[in-house]
Each structure stands twice: as structure tokens, then as C-alpha cells.
C-alpha atoms as a PDB file:
ATOM      1  CA  MET A   1     -16.667   5.153  16.073  1.00  0.00           C
ATOM      2  CA  ASP A   2     -14.877   6.718  19.028  1.00  0.00           C
ATOM      3  CA  ILE A   3     -13.330   9.841  17.492  1.00  0.00           C
ATOM      4  CA  LYS A   4     -10.814  10.117  20.326  1.00  0.00           C
ATOM      5  CA  LEU A   5      -9.597   6.603  19.478  1.00  0.00           C
ATOM      6  CA  ARG A   6      -9.422   7.524  15.788  1.00  0.00           C
ATOM      7  CA  ASP A   7      -7.313  10.595  16.492  1.00  0.00           C
ATOM      8  CA  LEU A   8      -5.119   8.825  19.034  1.00  0.00           C
ATOM      9  CA  PHE A   9      -4.150   6.183  16.498  1.00  0.00           C
ATOM     10  CA  ILE A  10      -3.336   8.799  13.849  1.00  0.00           C
ATOM     11  CA  GLU A  11      -1.048  10.520  16.353  1.00  0.00           C
ATOM     12  CA  LEU A  12       0.695   7.246  17.271  1.00  0.00           C
ATOM     13  CA  TRP A  13       0.930   6.137  13.645  1.00  0.00           C
ATOM     14  CA  ASN A  14       2.614   9.346  12.570  1.00  0.00           C
ATOM     15  CA  LYS A  15       4.964   9.089  15.543  1.00  0.00           C
ATOM     16  CA  TYR A  16       6.127   5.511  15.017  1.00  0.00           C
ATOM     17  CA  PHE A  17       5.433   4.902  11.294  1.00  0.00           C
ATOM     18  CA  PRO A  18       6.196   8.328   9.762  1.00  0.00           C
ATOM     19  CA  GLY A  19       4.933   8.781   6.233  1.00  0.00           C
ATOM     20  CA  ALA A  20       3.357   5.315   6.046  1.00  0.00           C
ATOM     21  CA  GLU A  21      -0.095   5.007   4.508  1.00  0.00           C
ATOM     22  CA  LEU A  22      -3.059   5.152   6.870  1.00  0.00           C
ATOM     23  CA  PRO A  23      -5.211   2.010   6.848  1.00  0.00           C
ATOM     24  CA  LEU A  24      -8.558   1.438   5.219  1.00  0.00           C
ATOM     25  CA  THR A  25     -11.494   0.207   7.252  1.00  0.00           C
ATOM     26  CA  LEU A  26     -14.228  -2.185   6.199  1.00  0.00           C
ATOM     27  CA  GLU A  27     -17.710  -2.274   7.660  1.00  0.00           C
ATOM     28  CA  LEU A  28     -20.565  -4.562   6.647  1.00  0.00           C
ATOM     29  CA  ARG A  29     -23.569  -2.342   7.278  1.00  0.00           C
ATOM     30  CA  GLU A  30     -27.257  -2.775   6.579  1.00  0.00           C
ATOM     31  CA  GLU A  31     -28.382  -1.327   3.290  1.00  0.00           C
ATOM     32  CA  SER A  32     -29.667   2.235   3.202  1.00  0.00           C
ATOM     33  CA  SER A  33     -31.573   3.684   0.275  1.00  0.00           C
ATOM     34  CA  ASP A  34     -29.957   7.107   0.666  1.00  0.00           C
ATOM     35  CA  VAL A  35     -26.380   5.808   0.399  1.00  0.00           C
ATOM     36  CA  LYS A  36     -24.675   6.342  -2.940  1.00  0.00           C
ATOM     37  CA  LYS A  37     -23.111   3.081  -4.072  1.00  0.00           C
ATOM     38  CA  VAL A  38     -20.251   2.423  -6.466  1.00  0.00           C
ATOM     39  CA  PRO A  39     -21.848   1.795  -9.884  1.00  0.00           C
ATOM     40  CA  SER A  40     -21.195  -1.415 -11.714  1.00  0.00           C
ATOM     41  CA  PRO A  41     -18.096  -1.074 -13.935  1.00  0.00           C
ATOM     42  CA  ASN A  42     -18.330  -1.694 -17.654  1.00  0.00           C
ATOM     43  CA  GLY A  43     -17.437  -5.352 -17.906  1.00  0.00           C
ATOM     44  CA  TRP A  44     -15.281  -7.346 -15.533  1.00  0.00           C
ATOM     45  CA  ARG A  45     -13.098  -5.519 -13.009  1.00  0.00           C
ATOM     46  CA  CYS A  46     -11.205  -6.776  -9.985  1.00  0.00           C
ATOM     47  CA  LEU A  47     -12.631  -5.562  -6.661  1.00  0.00           C
ATOM     48  CA  ILE A  48      -9.092  -4.789  -5.469  1.00  0.00           C
ATOM     49  CA  CYS A  49      -8.760  -2.298  -8.335  1.00  0.00           C
ATOM     50  CA  GLN A  50     -12.130  -0.778  -7.484  1.00  0.00           C
ATOM     51  CA  ILE A  51     -11.313   0.018  -3.865  1.00  0.00           C
ATOM     52  CA  ASN A  52      -8.035   1.831  -4.580  1.00  0.00           C
ATOM     53  CA  ARG A  53      -9.868   5.178  -4.588  1.00  0.00           C
ATOM     54  CA  ALA A  54     -10.796   4.627  -0.946  1.00  0.00           C
ATOM     55  CA  ARG A  55      -7.104   4.430  -0.079  1.00  0.00           C
ATOM     56  CA  LYS A  56      -6.766   7.975  -1.400  1.00  0.00           C
ATOM     57  CA  GLY A  57      -9.491   9.226   0.934  1.00  0.00           C
ATOM     58  CA  THR A  58     -12.777   8.750  -0.924  1.00  0.00           C
ATOM     59  CA  PRO A  59     -15.198   6.568   1.096  1.00  0.00           C
ATOM     60  CA  LEU A  60     -16.740   3.882  -1.106  1.00  0.00           C
ATOM     61  CA  VAL A  61     -19.864   1.771  -0.635  1.00  0.00           C
ATOM     62  CA  PHE A  62     -20.423  -1.487  -2.527  1.00  0.00           C
ATOM     63  CA  ASP A  63     -23.376  -3.780  -2.898  1.00  0.00           C
ATOM     64  CA  ALA A  64     -23.873  -6.867  -5.036  1.00  0.00           C
ATOM     65  CA  HIS A  65     -24.491  -4.711  -8.127  1.00  0.00           C
ATOM     66  CA  SER A  66     -21.193  -2.826  -7.707  1.00  0.00           C
ATOM     67  CA  ILE A  67     -19.063  -5.942  -8.211  1.00  0.00           C
ATOM     68  CA  THR A  68     -18.648  -7.772 -11.508  1.00  0.00           C
ATOM     69  CA  CYS A  69     -15.972 -10.275 -10.477  1.00  0.00           C
ATOM     70  CA  SER A  70     -17.532 -13.623  -9.521  1.00  0.00           C
ATOM     71  CA  GLY A  71     -14.786 -14.251  -6.977  1.00  0.00           C
ATOM     72  CA  GLY A  72     -15.327 -10.816  -5.458  1.00  0.00           C
ATOM     73  CA  LEU A  73     -19.058 -11.472  -5.166  1.00  0.00           C
ATOM     74  CA  MET A  74     -18.410 -14.780  -3.448  1.00  0.00           C
ATOM     75  CA  TYR A  75     -15.709 -13.641  -1.011  1.00  0.00           C
ATOM     76  CA  ALA A  76     -17.752 -10.536  -0.178  1.00  0.00           C
ATOM     77  CA  GLY A  77     -20.669 -12.790   0.746  1.00  0.00           C
ATOM     78  CA  TYR A  78     -23.074 -11.866  -2.041  1.00  0.00           C
ATOM     79  CA  THR A  79     -23.222 -15.335  -3.586  1.00  0.00           C
ATOM     80  CA  HIS A  80     -22.216 -18.879  -2.753  1.00  0.00           C
ATOM     81  CA  GLU A  81     -22.572 -20.176  -6.286  1.00  0.00           C
ATOM     82  CA  ARG A  82     -19.543 -21.213  -8.327  1.00  0.00           C
ATOM     83  CA  SER A  83     -19.425 -21.949 -12.027  1.00  0.00           C
ATOM     84  CA  PRO A  84     -19.332 -25.663 -12.900  1.00  0.00           C
ATOM     85  CA  GLU A  85     -16.072 -24.845 -14.690  1.00  0.00           C
ATOM     86  CA  PHE A  86     -14.445 -23.328 -11.590  1.00  0.00           C
ATOM     87  CA  ARG A  87     -12.518 -26.528 -10.889  1.00  0.00           C
ATOM     88  CA  TYR A  88     -10.814 -26.091 -14.246  1.00  0.00           C
ATOM     89  CA  PHE A  89     -10.502 -22.312 -13.991  1.00  0.00           C
ATOM     90  CA  LEU A  90      -8.449 -22.486 -10.787  1.00  0.00           C
ATOM     91  CA  SER A  91      -6.318 -25.365 -12.063  1.00  0.00           C
ATOM     92  CA  CYS A  92      -5.231 -26.565 -15.496  1.00  0.00           C
ATOM     93  CA  GLY A  93      -8.056 -25.231 -17.635  1.00  0.00           C
ATOM     94  CA  LYS A  94     -10.215 -27.125 -20.122  1.00  0.00           C
ATOM     95  CA  PRO A  95      -9.219 -27.005 -23.807  1.00  0.00           C
ATOM     96  CA  GLY A  96     -11.710 -25.089 -25.883  1.00  0.00           C
ATOM     97  CA  VAL A  97     -13.783 -24.173 -22.818  1.00  0.00           C
ATOM     98  CA  ILE A  98     -11.792 -22.185 -20.262  1.00  0.00           C
ATOM     99  CA  GLU A  99      -8.228 -21.121 -19.637  1.00  0.00           C
ATOM    100  CA  GLY A 100      -6.839 -22.166 -16.263  1.00  0.00           C
ATOM    101  CA  GLU A 101      -5.172 -19.841 -13.760  1.00  0.00           C
ATOM    102  CA  ARG A 102      -3.049 -22.814 -12.563  1.00  0.00           C
ATOM    103  CA  PHE A 103      -3.167 -21.883  -8.885  1.00  0.00           C
ATOM    104  CA  LYS A 104      -3.996 -25.519  -8.064  1.00  0.00           C
ATOM    105  CA  GLN A 105      -2.407 -28.585  -9.642  1.00  0.00           C
ATOM    106  CA  THR A 106      -5.559 -30.511 -10.512  1.00  0.00           C
ATOM    107  CA  PRO A 107      -9.357 -30.034 -10.658  1.00  0.00           C
ATOM    108  CA  GLU A 108      -9.648 -32.646  -7.896  1.00  0.00           C
ATOM    109  CA  ILE A 109      -7.527 -30.518  -5.562  1.00  0.00           C
ATOM    110  CA  VAL A 110      -9.826 -27.585  -6.350  1.00  0.00           C
ATOM    111  CA  ASP A 111     -12.854 -29.709  -5.429  1.00  0.00           C
ATOM    112  CA  SER A 112     -11.336 -30.438  -2.019  1.00  0.00           C
ATOM    113  CA  TYR A 113     -10.211 -26.843  -1.544  1.00  0.00           C
ATOM    114  CA  VAL A 114     -13.686 -25.462  -2.207  1.00  0.00           C
ATOM    115  CA  LYS A 115     -15.122 -27.635   0.557  1.00  0.00           C
ATOM    116  CA  VAL A 116     -12.940 -26.033   3.241  1.00  0.00           C
ATOM    117  CA  VAL A 117     -13.258 -22.381   2.169  1.00  0.00           C
ATOM    118  CA  PRO A 118     -15.593 -20.685   4.698  1.00  0.00           C
ATOM    119  CA  LYS A 119     -18.625 -18.666   3.638  1.00  0.00           C
ATOM    120  CA  ILE A 120     -20.280 -15.497   4.879  1.00  0.00           C
ATOM    121  CA  SER A 121     -23.551 -13.870   3.923  1.00  0.00           C
ATOM    122  CA  SER A 122     -23.749 -10.159   3.147  1.00  0.00           C
ATOM    123  CA  GLU A 123     -27.378 -10.295   2.054  1.00  0.00           C
ATOM    124  CA  GLY A 124     -29.043  -6.997   2.945  1.00  0.00           C
ATOM    125  CA  LYS A 125     -25.722  -5.328   3.687  1.00  0.00           C
ATOM    126  CA  ASN A 126     -23.305  -2.953   1.997  1.00  0.00           C
ATOM    127  CA  LEU A 127     -19.522  -2.987   2.154  1.00  0.00           C
ATOM    128  CA  HIS A 128     -18.218   0.367   3.383  1.00  0.00           C
ATOM    129  CA  PHE A 129     -14.531   1.091   2.716  1.00  0.00           C
ATOM    130  CA  THR A 130     -13.322   4.205   4.548  1.00  0.00           C
ATOM    131  CA  ARG A 131      -9.808   5.444   5.203  1.00  0.00           C
ATOM    132  CA  TRP A 132      -9.094   5.662   8.930  1.00  0.00           C
ATOM    133  CA  ASP A 133      -8.887   9.471   9.058  1.00  0.00           C
ATOM    134  CA  LYS A 134     -12.263   9.782   7.298  1.00  0.00           C
ATOM    135  CA  LEU A 135     -14.183   7.796   9.921  1.00  0.00           C
ATOM    136  CA  THR A 136     -17.086   9.543  11.698  1.00  0.00           C
ATOM    137  CA  GLU A 137     -19.165   8.841  14.795  1.00  0.00           C
ATOM    138  CA  THR A 138     -21.631   6.849  12.679  1.00  0.00           C
ATOM    139  CA  ASP A 139     -19.003   4.381  11.463  1.00  0.00           C
ATOM    140  CA  ASN A 140     -18.438   1.055  13.202  1.00  0.00           C
ATOM    141  CA  PRO A 141     -15.587  -0.764  11.400  1.00  0.00           C
ATOM    142  CA  ASP A 142     -15.273  -4.542  11.405  1.00  0.00           C
ATOM    143  CA  VAL A 143     -11.798  -4.689   9.858  1.00  0.00           C
ATOM    144  CA  VAL A 144      -8.758  -2.392   9.607  1.00  0.00           C
ATOM    145  CA  ILE A 145      -6.690  -2.990   6.453  1.00  0.00           C
ATOM    146  CA  PHE A 146      -3.082  -1.879   6.065  1.00  0.00           C
ATOM    147  CA  TYR A 147      -1.361  -1.628   2.688  1.00  0.00           C
ATOM    148  CA  ALA A 148       2.264  -1.767   3.708  1.00  0.00           C
ATOM    149  CA  HIS A 149       5.921  -2.199   2.734  1.00  0.00           C
ATOM    150  CA  PRO A 150       8.205  -4.669   4.617  1.00  0.00           C
ATOM    151  CA  GLU A 151       9.421  -2.432   7.462  1.00  0.00           C
ATOM    152  CA  VAL A 152       5.862  -1.360   8.247  1.00  0.00           C
ATOM    153  CA  LEU A 153       4.693  -4.973   8.029  1.00  0.00           C
ATOM    154  CA  SER A 154       7.444  -5.886  10.483  1.00  0.00           C
ATOM    155  CA  GLY A 155       6.027  -3.467  13.034  1.00  0.00           C
ATOM    156  CA  LEU A 156       2.423  -4.512  12.457  1.00  0.00           C
ATOM    157  CA  PHE A 157       3.318  -8.205  12.687  1.00  0.00           C
ATOM    158  CA  SER A 158       5.138  -7.657  15.961  1.00  0.00           C
ATOM    159  CA  LEU A 159       2.251  -5.611  17.399  1.00  0.00           C
ATOM    160  CA  ALA A 160      -0.180  -8.371  16.426  1.00  0.00           C
ATOM    161  CA  ASN A 161       1.830 -10.860  18.491  1.00  0.00           C
ATOM    162  CA  PHE A 162       2.741  -8.580  21.395  1.00  0.00           C
ATOM    163  CA  ASP A 163       0.097  -9.802  23.854  1.00  0.00           C
ATOM    164  CA  LEU A 164       0.146 -13.476  22.827  1.00  0.00           C
ATOM    165  CA  SER A 165       2.056 -16.499  24.081  1.00  0.00           C
ATOM    166  CA  ASP A 166       1.292 -18.705  21.061  1.00  0.00           C
ATOM    167  CA  LEU A 167       2.910 -18.587  17.614  1.00  0.00           C
ATOM    168  CA  ASP A 168      -0.088 -17.781  15.441  1.00  0.00           C
ATOM    169  CA  GLY A 169      -1.126 -14.192  16.010  1.00  0.00           C
ATOM    170  CA  VAL A 170      -0.996 -13.691  12.253  1.00  0.00           C
ATOM    171  CA  ILE A 171      -2.457 -16.169   9.746  1.00  0.00           C
ATOM    172  CA  CYS A 172      -2.127 -16.364   5.971  1.00  0.00           C
ATOM    173  CA  PRO A 173      -4.925 -18.502   4.494  1.00  0.00           C
ATOM    174  CA  MET A 174      -4.986 -19.363   0.797  1.00  0.00           C
ATOM    175  CA  GLY A 175      -7.426 -17.283  -1.214  1.00  0.00           C
ATOM    176  CA  SER A 176      -8.017 -14.374  -3.532  1.00  0.00           C
ATOM    177  CA  GLY A 177      -6.888 -10.849  -2.740  1.00  0.00           C
ATOM    178  CA  CYS A 178     -10.387  -9.861  -1.666  1.00  0.00           C
ATOM    179  CA  SER A 179     -10.710 -12.893   0.605  1.00  0.00           C
ATOM    180  CA  SER A 180      -7.657 -11.709   2.547  1.00  0.00           C
ATOM    181  CA  ILE A 181      -9.173  -8.294   3.330  1.00  0.00           C
ATOM    182  CA  ILE A 182     -12.879  -9.197   3.555  1.00  0.00           C
ATOM    183  CA  LEU A 183     -13.751 -12.837   4.182  1.00  0.00           C
ATOM    184  CA  TYR A 184     -11.017 -14.032   6.529  1.00  0.00           C
ATOM    185  CA  PRO A 185     -10.588 -10.942   8.735  1.00  0.00           C
ATOM    186  CA  TRP A 186     -14.365 -10.492   9.015  1.00  0.00           C
ATOM    187  CA  LEU A 187     -14.676 -14.088  10.187  1.00  0.00           C
ATOM    188  CA  GLU A 188     -11.899 -13.491  12.712  1.00  0.00           C
ATOM    189  CA  GLN A 189     -13.767 -10.452  14.029  1.00  0.00           C
ATOM    190  CA  GLN A 190     -16.586 -12.782  15.101  1.00  0.00           C
ATOM    191  CA  LYS A 191     -14.233 -14.740  17.396  1.00  0.00           C
ATOM    192  CA  ASP A 192     -13.259 -14.034  21.001  1.00  0.00           C
ATOM    193  CA  ASP A 193      -9.533 -14.151  20.212  1.00  0.00           C
ATOM    194  CA  PRO A 194      -9.232 -13.051  16.597  1.00  0.00           C
ATOM    195  CA  LYS A 195      -6.150 -13.452  14.443  1.00  0.00           C
ATOM    196  CA  VAL A 196      -4.666 -10.881  12.081  1.00  0.00           C
ATOM    197  CA  VAL A 197      -4.618 -11.782   8.368  1.00  0.00           C
ATOM    198  CA  LEU A 198      -1.604 -11.293   6.102  1.00  0.00           C
ATOM    199  CA  GLY A 199      -2.581 -11.237   2.453  1.00  0.00           C
ATOM    200  CA  MET A 200      -2.600 -10.029  -1.137  1.00  0.00           C
ATOM    201  CA  PHE A 201      -0.412 -12.840  -2.469  1.00  0.00           C
ATOM    202  CA  ASP A 202      -2.936 -13.622  -5.210  1.00  0.00           C
ATOM    203  CA  PRO A 203      -1.096 -13.043  -8.535  1.00  0.00           C
ATOM    204  CA  SER A 204      -4.320 -11.851 -10.165  1.00  0.00           C
ATOM    205  CA  ALA A 205      -4.847  -9.197  -7.491  1.00  0.00           C
ATOM    206  CA  ARG A 206      -1.193  -8.135  -7.734  1.00  0.00           C
ATOM    207  CA  LEU A 207      -2.068  -6.456 -11.040  1.00  0.00           C
ATOM    208  CA  CYS A 208      -4.025  -3.896  -8.979  1.00  0.00           C
ATOM    209  CA  MET A 209      -1.470  -3.523  -6.196  1.00  0.00           C
ATOM    210  CA  PRO A 210       1.475  -1.118  -5.807  1.00  0.00           C
ATOM    211  CA  LEU A 211       5.008  -2.455  -6.063  1.00  0.00           C
ATOM    212  CA  ASP A 212       6.304  -4.264  -2.939  1.00  0.00           C
ATOM    213  CA  VAL A 213       3.064  -3.859  -0.955  1.00  0.00           C
ATOM    214  CA  LEU A 214       1.132  -6.540   0.932  1.00  0.00           C
ATOM    215  CA  THR A 215      -1.878  -6.205   3.212  1.00  0.00           C
ATOM    216  CA  MET A 216      -2.327  -6.935   6.889  1.00  0.00           C
ATOM    217  CA  SER A 217      -5.925  -6.899   8.075  1.00  0.00           C
ATOM    218  CA  PHE A 218      -6.846  -6.514  11.741  1.00  0.00           C
ATOM    219  CA  PRO A 219     -10.224  -7.471  13.181  1.00  0.00           C
ATOM    220  CA  MET A 220     -11.405  -4.301  14.914  1.00  0.00           C
ATOM    221  CA  LYS A 221     -11.586  -5.829  18.403  1.00  0.00           C
ATOM    222  CA  LYS A 222      -7.925  -6.838  18.074  1.00  0.00           C
ATOM    223  CA  PHE A 223      -6.935  -3.461  16.645  1.00  0.00           C
ATOM    224  CA  GLU A 224      -8.432  -1.588  19.601  1.00  0.00           C
ATOM    225  CA  LYS A 225      -6.187  -3.619  21.921  1.00  0.00           C
ATOM    226  CA  ILE A 226      -3.142  -2.804  19.818  1.00  0.00           C
ATOM    227  CA  ILE A 227      -3.744   0.936  20.021  1.00  0.00           C
ATOM    228  CA  GLY A 228      -3.845   0.563  23.782  1.00  0.00           C
ATOM    229  CA  TYR A 229      -0.415  -1.046  24.072  1.00  0.00           C
ATOM    230  CA  MET A 230       1.579   0.602  21.290  1.00  0.00           C
ATOM    231  CA  GLU A 231       3.447   2.850  23.717  1.00  0.00           C
ATOM    232  CA  GLU A 232       4.555   0.008  25.973  1.00  0.00           C
ATOM    233  CA  SER A 233       5.770  -2.116  23.059  1.00  0.00           C
ATOM    234  CA  PHE A 234       9.032  -2.333  21.080  1.00  0.00           C
ATOM    235  CA  LEU A 235       7.990   0.881  19.326  1.00  0.00           C
ATOM    236  CA  ILE A 236       9.519   2.932  22.140  1.00  0.00           C
ATOM    237  CA  THR A 237      12.953   1.242  21.873  1.00  0.00           C
ATOM    238  CA  ASP A 238      16.141   2.538  20.229  1.00  0.00           C
ATOM    239  CA  GLU A 239      16.007  -0.463  17.904  1.00  0.00           C
ATOM    240  CA  TRP A 240      12.681   0.665  16.463  1.00  0.00           C
ATOM    241  CA  MET A 241      14.046   4.182  16.049  1.00  0.00           C
ATOM    242  CA  LYS A 242      16.491   2.730  13.526  1.00  0.00           C
ATOM    243  CA  VAL A 243      13.702   0.899  11.709  1.00  0.00           C
ATOM    244  CA  LYS A 244      11.642   4.086  11.745  1.00  0.00           C
ATOM    245  CA  LYS A 245      14.410   5.858   9.828  1.00  0.00           C
ATOM    246  CA  LYS A 246      14.211   3.116   7.204  1.00  0.00           C
ATOM    247  CA  ILE A 247      10.450   3.686   6.978  1.00  0.00           C
ATOM    248  CA  GLU A 248      11.060   7.390   6.382  1.00  0.00           C
ATOM    249  CA  ARG A 249      13.625   6.612   3.666  1.00  0.00           C
ATOM    250  CA  SER A 250      11.440   4.012   1.969  1.00  0.00           C
ATOM    251  CA  THR A 251       8.473   6.396   1.994  1.00  0.00           C
ATOM    252  CA  MET A 252      10.516   8.976   0.130  1.00  0.00           C
ATOM    253  CA  LEU A 253      11.795   6.315  -2.281  1.00  0.00           C
ATOM    254  CA  TYR A 254       8.362   4.951  -3.183  1.00  0.00           C
ATOM    255  CA  GLN A 255       6.886   8.434  -3.518  1.00  0.00           C
ATOM    256  CA  LYS A 256       9.408   9.081  -6.298  1.00  0.00           C
ATOM    257  CA  LYS A 257       8.359   5.969  -8.240  1.00  0.00           C
END
């Protein structure tokens, strides 16, 4: 990681998004025996809940044994296997067998949905979650993840589209909370012209999320471009100065809650 780039973004972030939470970064890195990994929780726990400590500044490293949620294991690339009952789990359930989440209308729709969900492989790799200000020279992030309120999202959305002539600089694919910060943005990072991913609409993941917060995840190659043009964008206008005051007020409001 270029430390000058790290520090430059912190300076710009504090200038134009005062008080807003710094982003997390995600890196899929080859396993190392001397790295301390997050231990497996007792019983099932959502991966989104597990990574909240990283948002507070504690770097966290996960492997396949750190995650107990089957969806988290799949969207993190540690397995491609689904339960035979998944088609009922995501839809209407099966009496006496499994309760349905009812995110899809029928098991048949789930069958079709599963066929189009992309896959990645994290075999032999760990997931490193590190807050931006805790990055070191040895880090090489794949994804930058913002947890943000509406005014901050407005700025991030506009930055994501600043250098584009098309309408789709930000995408919002259907999936779990962890798919929106791991699977989809990591896949975008592999492309020449990556898109930014808006996410955390999954009602199950919302149980682990702060009030009124969504995520916006930037592939690192896109994020580096954004840092380079922040000070020629709308951020330097009088209009954004008014939005910035709202960000300051909302930060104070949410800190009281």
C-alpha cells in the first residue's frame, strides 16, 4: 500500500466528509501460518456481525474456519456447495423441515437465481479486513468498503460516476450482505472498468447494521482514480459545502444515539 495515498485520502475525507466513518478495506491474501485468525464463534453467527470490530480499528483475518454461516462461506469463496433445502430456505420454506426467509416467491425462482449468481474461489487465501487508517506498506487492498448515511452515500455515488459517460457506475446486485462487500466488488476489481457496488439491503444482515447505514464498495483500481479527481469534482463547489454541513450535523446526531 502506498502510504502517501493512504494519508492523502484521509486528509481529503476529513476535508469533504467531516466526521464520517473511514472505510474498511478487504484483501484476499495467501494464507500465512503466523497470522492470527478470527476463531470460529460458538454456533452460527453472521459474518457482517463478525467484521464490525474491524470498523472500530481492529484488523481482522478470516479463513474458512472463522465463518459459521453457510452463506458467508459461499459468498467469501470458501465453498460452492448449497444445502438441498436452500431452494426452500430462500423462498417459502418446507413444513416440518425448514422455515423460509421468503426473499424469493417460489423454490423454482430460487433454482434459476442460483444459476446466475457468480462464484469465486478463496481456497488457500485469507480475508483481511482493515480500516483505511490502519493500512501498512504490506497491505494490498482489493476492495474499499464504506458504511455510510445518505448524504455521504450521495457524495460517494457522485464520485463513482464522475469520470463516466454511461449510467451504471454503481450497481446493486441481489444477494446477501456479505456478497455486496466481498463477492461482487471483488469480481469487479478483476475487470478493466470496474463498477462500484451499493449494498447491505439484505434484511438478515440488517440485524448487524447500524440504523440508516448502507454500504458502498469500491474496487481498489476504481478507488485510486477517485482519490485523484476528488479536488476537481463537485466537492469543491458551494453546493457541496451545504451538504457537508448536513454531514456534520448528522454525524453529531448519530453519535448521540
